[in-house]
Amino acid sequence: MRVELSEVTLDVEVSGQGPAVLLVHGFPDSHHLWRHQVPALTAAGYTCVAPTLRGFGASGRPEGGVEAYHPGRHIGDLLELLARLEIDRVHLVGHDWGSGVVQGLAQGAPERVASLSILSVGHVASVLGAGSEQKQRSWYMLLFQFPGLAEEWLARDDFANLREMLGEHPDAEAIIDPLRAPGALTAALNIYRAGLPAEVQFGPALPLPPLPGPVMGVWSPGDRFMTEQSMSGTGKHVDGTWRYERVENAGHWLQLDQPERINALLLDFLAENPIG
C-alpha cells in the first residue's frame, strides 16, 4: 500500500492482526527483505508493518539534498506512519541502517517501544569503538561520503562493484534495478552522508545515549561488514535487559540466509516482552 505522509509517500506492507511489529530494512533494501519474517509473525498473532524507507525502492525521494535523508527524518516518517495506523506501542526490528533508525526511534520515544531487536548493526558507539578490524570492514562508509565518486564507482560496468558488495544477497538484481532510475542511487547513499559523515566516523567520540531495554542483538560470523565485537559490545550501551544471539551459517543478510532461526528468535523475544 502507498501511505502519503507529510513529507513523503512510503511503500508499506501491512498485514496481520494483533500487537504491532515494525520491521525496518537497511541499505540498499526495501520492505521485501522481511518476506520470510512477515508470514511467521502474522501466523503467531502479530500485525506486521514493513515500510520501505524514503529514498529506497518504490518509496518517494524528497528533494532537499543530504539533509532530507538524515536518520531523524526517517524516524519522523516512522512515527507519523504509526500515528496514521493508530498504533501506540510497537515491537521494533531493524537490520543494517534500519537498526540505526529503530535505535534512534527507541531513544527518542521509549514509551512507544515494547522491545527492540537489532540485526547485524549494533549501537553506534559500539560500532565506532570496535577497533581496527571494524574500521577496515567499514572502508566503504568513507567512500560513500563523496557525491558523484561513490555513485560512479558503484554503477560502473553495470553495477559490478555494487554486485560484489552485495555478494551473497539473493535479491541483488531486484535491488539494483530500481537504483538505475535518475537520482535513486544518490538518495539511497544519502543515509550514509547524513547519518555517518566523516567527522563522526573519524572524529572524537561523541556522548551517545544508551538504548532502552529490552534489547536483542543478532549477528552472524559470515557478516563481511560488521565484526562480532561491534554487536556484542552493544550490551554496554543498553539501559535495561540485553540479549545477544549468534546465528551460524549466515552472512550480513541473515534473515534471508537463516529465516527459520531468525523467526524463532524474534517470536521468542517478542513473547518474553509482550505489549501490555
Protein backbone atom coordinates (compact mmCIF):
# COMPACT_ATOMS: atom_id res chain seq x y z
CA MET A 1 0.00 0.00 0.00
CA ARG A 2 1.01 3.64 -0.51
CA VAL A 3 0.91 5.83 2.58
CA GLU A 4 1.15 9.57 2.00
CA LEU A 5 2.94 11.30 4.87
CA SER A 6 3.60 15.00 5.35
CA GLU A 7 6.99 14.92 3.56
CA VAL A 8 6.99 11.71 1.53
CA THR A 9 4.90 8.82 0.28
CA LEU A 10 6.08 5.44 1.52
CA ASP A 11 5.56 1.99 0.09
CA VAL A 12 4.37 -0.04 3.09
CA GLU A 13 3.28 -3.63 3.65
CA VAL A 14 0.75 -4.02 6.50
CA SER A 15 -0.62 -7.43 7.38
CA GLY A 16 -1.98 -9.49 10.27
CA GLN A 17 -3.83 -8.67 13.45
CA GLY A 18 -2.60 -8.26 16.99
CA PRO A 19 0.32 -6.49 18.69
CA ALA A 20 2.33 -4.47 16.18
CA VAL A 21 5.83 -5.23 14.92
CA LEU A 22 7.63 -2.57 12.87
CA LEU A 23 10.25 -4.10 10.54
CA VAL A 24 12.80 -1.67 9.11
CA HIS A 25 15.28 -2.53 6.35
CA GLY A 26 18.68 -1.03 5.61
CA PHE A 27 20.89 -0.22 2.59
CA PRO A 28 20.09 -0.90 -0.21
CA ASP A 29 16.97 -2.97 0.50
CA SER A 30 13.20 -2.47 0.69
CA HIS A 31 10.43 -3.98 2.80
CA HIS A 32 10.75 -7.12 0.64
CA LEU A 33 13.72 -8.02 2.85
CA TRP A 34 11.27 -9.24 5.51
CA ARG A 35 9.29 -11.60 3.29
CA HIS A 36 10.24 -14.65 5.39
CA GLN A 37 9.52 -12.98 8.73
CA VAL A 38 6.12 -11.46 7.99
CA PRO A 39 4.25 -14.77 7.47
CA ALA A 40 5.72 -16.26 10.65
CA LEU A 41 4.86 -13.20 12.72
CA THR A 42 1.33 -12.81 11.37
CA ALA A 43 0.67 -16.52 11.90
CA ALA A 44 1.71 -16.04 15.53
CA GLY A 45 -0.83 -13.26 16.01
CA TYR A 46 1.09 -10.07 15.27
CA THR A 47 0.40 -7.12 12.98
CA CYS A 48 3.42 -6.52 10.75
CA VAL A 49 4.23 -3.05 9.45
CA ALA A 50 7.10 -3.16 6.95
CA PRO A 51 7.82 0.20 5.29
CA THR A 52 10.30 0.97 2.56
CA LEU A 53 12.27 3.97 3.82
CA ARG A 54 12.35 7.27 1.94
CA GLY A 55 14.92 7.15 -0.83
CA PHE A 56 14.67 3.39 -1.31
CA GLY A 57 12.70 1.10 -3.58
CA ALA A 58 9.26 2.35 -4.54
CA SER A 59 9.06 4.99 -1.79
CA GLY A 60 9.40 8.67 -2.57
CA ARG A 61 12.68 10.54 -2.89
CA PRO A 62 12.20 14.00 -1.35
CA GLU A 63 14.23 16.92 -2.64
CA GLY A 64 16.37 18.87 -0.22
CA GLY A 65 19.76 17.24 -0.56
CA VAL A 66 21.54 15.16 2.01
CA GLU A 67 19.67 16.65 4.98
CA ALA A 68 16.37 15.27 3.65
CA TYR A 69 17.72 11.78 4.37
CA HIS A 70 19.03 12.30 7.88
CA PRO A 71 18.12 9.38 10.17
CA GLY A 72 15.95 11.81 12.11
CA ARG A 73 13.78 12.27 9.03
CA HIS A 74 13.37 8.51 8.76
CA ILE A 75 12.42 8.34 12.44
CA GLY A 76 9.87 11.09 11.90
CA ASP A 77 8.41 9.16 8.96
CA LEU A 78 8.03 6.04 11.09
CA LEU A 79 6.38 7.87 13.97
CA GLU A 80 3.97 9.54 11.56
CA LEU A 81 3.27 6.18 9.92
CA LEU A 82 2.47 4.60 13.28
CA ALA A 83 0.15 7.50 14.06
CA ARG A 84 -1.65 7.09 10.71
CA LEU A 85 -2.13 3.39 11.50
CA GLU A 86 -3.28 4.25 15.05
CA ILE A 87 -0.53 2.13 16.62
CA ASP A 88 0.50 3.27 20.10
CA ARG A 89 3.15 0.78 21.25
CA VAL A 90 5.22 -1.41 18.99
CA HIS A 91 7.97 -4.00 18.82
CA LEU A 92 10.88 -2.66 16.75
CA VAL A 93 13.02 -4.82 14.45
CA GLY A 94 15.77 -3.30 12.33
CA HIS A 95 18.55 -4.52 10.07
CA ASP A 96 21.66 -2.65 8.87
CA TRP A 97 20.71 1.05 8.63
CA GLY A 98 17.24 0.03 9.75
CA SER A 99 18.88 -1.00 13.02
CA GLY A 100 20.25 2.51 13.45
CA VAL A 101 16.88 4.06 12.65
CA VAL A 102 14.92 1.93 15.13
CA GLN A 103 17.57 2.57 17.78
CA GLY A 104 17.00 6.30 17.31
CA LEU A 105 13.24 5.81 17.49
CA ALA A 106 13.59 3.85 20.74
CA GLN A 107 15.86 6.52 22.24
CA GLY A 108 13.53 9.33 21.22
CA ALA A 109 10.21 7.71 22.12
CA PRO A 110 10.93 4.90 24.62
CA GLU A 111 7.35 4.94 25.88
CA ARG A 112 6.22 3.72 22.45
CA VAL A 113 8.54 0.71 22.36
CA ALA A 114 7.84 -2.73 23.87
CA SER A 115 11.07 -4.32 22.61
CA LEU A 116 13.98 -3.61 20.29
CA SER A 117 15.59 -6.26 18.06
CA ILE A 118 18.66 -5.17 16.10
CA LEU A 119 20.18 -7.33 13.38
CA SER A 120 23.80 -7.09 12.16
CA VAL A 121 24.43 -3.50 13.32
CA GLY A 122 24.78 -2.62 17.00
CA HIS A 123 24.83 0.65 18.92
CA VAL A 124 26.84 3.25 17.02
CA ALA A 125 29.23 3.75 19.96
CA SER A 126 29.95 0.02 19.94
CA VAL A 127 30.49 0.01 16.17
CA LEU A 128 32.80 3.04 16.22
CA GLY A 129 34.69 1.64 19.20
CA ALA A 130 35.13 -1.88 17.85
CA GLY A 131 38.75 -1.42 16.80
CA SER A 132 40.84 -1.61 13.66
CA GLU A 133 39.18 -4.67 12.15
CA GLN A 134 35.81 -2.93 12.15
CA LYS A 135 37.34 0.18 10.60
CA GLN A 136 38.82 -1.97 7.83
CA ARG A 137 35.45 -3.60 7.19
CA SER A 138 33.79 -0.18 7.10
CA TRP A 139 36.02 1.26 4.36
CA TYR A 140 33.07 1.80 2.04
CA MET A 141 31.40 4.16 4.53
CA LEU A 142 34.10 6.74 3.81
CA LEU A 143 33.85 6.20 0.05
CA PHE A 144 30.09 6.77 0.23
CA GLN A 145 30.71 10.29 1.59
CA PHE A 146 31.87 11.54 -1.81
CA PRO A 147 28.93 12.55 -4.07
CA GLY A 148 29.43 11.58 -7.66
CA LEU A 149 32.54 9.50 -6.99
CA ALA A 150 30.65 6.89 -4.98
CA GLU A 151 27.81 6.75 -7.48
CA GLU A 152 30.20 6.34 -10.42
CA TRP A 153 32.17 3.60 -8.64
CA LEU A 154 29.09 1.61 -7.63
CA ALA A 155 27.38 1.90 -11.02
CA ARG A 156 30.49 1.30 -13.15
CA ASP A 157 30.29 -1.68 -15.55
CA ASP A 158 26.60 -2.26 -14.95
CA PHE A 159 26.89 -2.01 -11.14
CA ALA A 160 29.71 -4.55 -10.94
CA ASN A 161 31.12 -3.10 -7.73
CA LEU A 162 27.73 -2.97 -6.03
CA ARG A 163 27.13 -6.56 -7.09
CA GLU A 164 30.43 -7.53 -5.47
CA MET A 165 29.45 -5.73 -2.27
CA LEU A 166 26.06 -7.42 -2.20
CA GLY A 167 27.86 -10.73 -2.65
CA GLU A 168 25.61 -13.45 -1.28
CA HIS A 169 22.46 -11.31 -1.25
CA PRO A 170 19.83 -13.37 -3.12
CA ASP A 171 17.95 -10.24 -4.20
CA ALA A 172 20.90 -8.46 -5.80
CA GLU A 173 19.36 -7.97 -9.23
CA ALA A 174 15.98 -6.88 -7.84
CA ILE A 175 17.76 -4.33 -5.65
CA ILE A 176 19.96 -2.94 -8.42
CA ASP A 177 17.17 -2.44 -10.96
CA PRO A 178 15.39 0.48 -9.19
CA LEU A 179 18.78 2.11 -8.50
CA ARG A 180 19.11 2.75 -12.24
CA ALA A 181 16.44 5.48 -12.03
CA PRO A 182 17.79 9.07 -12.05
CA GLY A 183 18.64 10.15 -8.52
CA ALA A 184 17.84 6.78 -6.94
CA LEU A 185 21.40 5.75 -6.07
CA THR A 186 22.18 9.17 -4.60
CA ALA A 187 19.01 9.09 -2.49
CA ALA A 188 19.96 5.67 -1.10
CA LEU A 189 23.54 6.76 -0.34
CA ASN A 190 22.39 9.92 1.43
CA ILE A 191 21.55 8.00 4.58
CA TYR A 192 25.31 7.41 5.00
CA ARG A 193 26.15 11.02 4.18
CA ALA A 194 23.64 12.39 6.64
CA GLY A 195 23.94 9.77 9.36
CA LEU A 196 27.65 8.88 9.39
CA PRO A 197 29.66 11.79 7.96
CA ALA A 198 33.44 11.52 8.09
CA GLU A 199 33.69 13.67 11.22
CA VAL A 200 31.57 11.13 13.09
CA GLN A 201 33.47 8.13 11.72
CA PHE A 202 36.94 9.51 12.42
CA GLY A 203 36.41 12.36 14.88
CA PRO A 204 36.45 12.27 18.69
CA ALA A 205 33.94 10.00 20.36
CA LEU A 206 30.59 11.66 20.93
CA PRO A 207 28.44 11.08 24.00
CA LEU A 208 25.61 8.87 22.81
CA PRO A 209 22.54 7.88 24.82
CA PRO A 210 22.00 4.24 25.80
CA LEU A 211 19.29 2.10 24.31
CA PRO A 212 16.21 1.48 26.44
CA GLY A 213 15.83 -2.23 27.09
CA PRO A 214 14.75 -4.86 26.45
CA VAL A 215 17.14 -5.19 23.51
CA MET A 216 18.16 -8.26 21.50
CA GLY A 217 21.18 -8.10 19.20
CA VAL A 218 21.67 -10.71 16.48
CA TRP A 219 24.87 -11.20 14.47
CA SER A 220 26.36 -13.84 12.16
CA PRO A 221 30.03 -14.82 11.72
CA GLY A 222 29.52 -14.71 7.95
CA ASP A 223 28.94 -10.94 8.05
CA ARG A 224 31.57 -9.30 5.83
CA PHE A 225 30.81 -5.78 7.04
CA MET A 226 30.37 -5.96 10.81
CA THR A 227 32.54 -7.59 13.48
CA GLU A 228 31.13 -9.57 16.36
CA GLN A 229 32.53 -7.06 18.86
CA SER A 230 30.52 -4.27 17.24
CA MET A 231 27.32 -6.12 18.16
CA SER A 232 28.29 -7.99 21.34
CA GLY A 233 29.70 -4.77 22.81
CA THR A 234 26.29 -3.12 22.44
CA GLY A 235 25.32 -4.60 25.81
CA LYS A 236 27.44 -1.89 27.47
CA HIS A 237 25.15 0.69 25.90
CA VAL A 238 21.80 -0.75 26.98
CA ASP A 239 19.83 0.63 29.90
CA GLY A 240 17.80 -2.48 30.69
CA THR A 241 17.88 -6.11 29.67
CA TRP A 242 20.24 -7.23 26.90
CA ARG A 243 20.22 -10.49 24.95
CA TYR A 244 22.85 -11.45 22.39
CA GLU A 245 22.34 -14.17 19.78
CA ARG A 246 24.94 -15.53 17.34
CA VAL A 247 23.45 -17.13 14.22
CA GLU A 248 25.74 -19.56 12.42
CA ASN A 249 25.89 -20.23 8.68
CA ALA A 250 24.64 -16.82 7.63
CA GLY A 251 26.03 -13.61 6.20
CA HIS A 252 25.06 -9.96 6.57
CA TRP A 253 21.52 -10.64 5.36
CA LEU A 254 20.93 -13.29 8.00
CA GLN A 255 17.13 -13.05 7.87
CA LEU A 256 17.35 -14.35 4.28
CA ASP A 257 20.08 -16.92 4.96
CA GLN A 258 18.59 -18.41 8.14
CA PRO A 259 14.93 -17.32 8.15
CA GLU A 260 13.65 -20.08 10.43
CA ARG A 261 16.30 -19.32 13.05
CA ILE A 262 15.62 -15.58 12.90
CA ASN A 263 11.87 -16.15 13.07
CA ALA A 264 12.27 -18.36 16.14
CA LEU A 265 14.45 -15.78 17.89
CA LEU A 266 12.04 -12.93 17.13
CA LEU A 267 8.96 -14.88 18.24
CA ASP A 268 10.67 -15.91 21.48
CA PHE A 269 11.90 -12.41 22.26
CA LEU A 270 8.56 -10.77 21.48
CA ALA A 271 6.75 -13.31 23.65
CA GLU A 272 9.14 -12.51 26.51
CA ASN A 273 8.24 -8.81 26.23
CA PRO A 274 4.53 -8.59 25.43
CA ILE A 275 2.79 -5.30 24.75
CA GLY A 276 0.66 -4.68 27.81
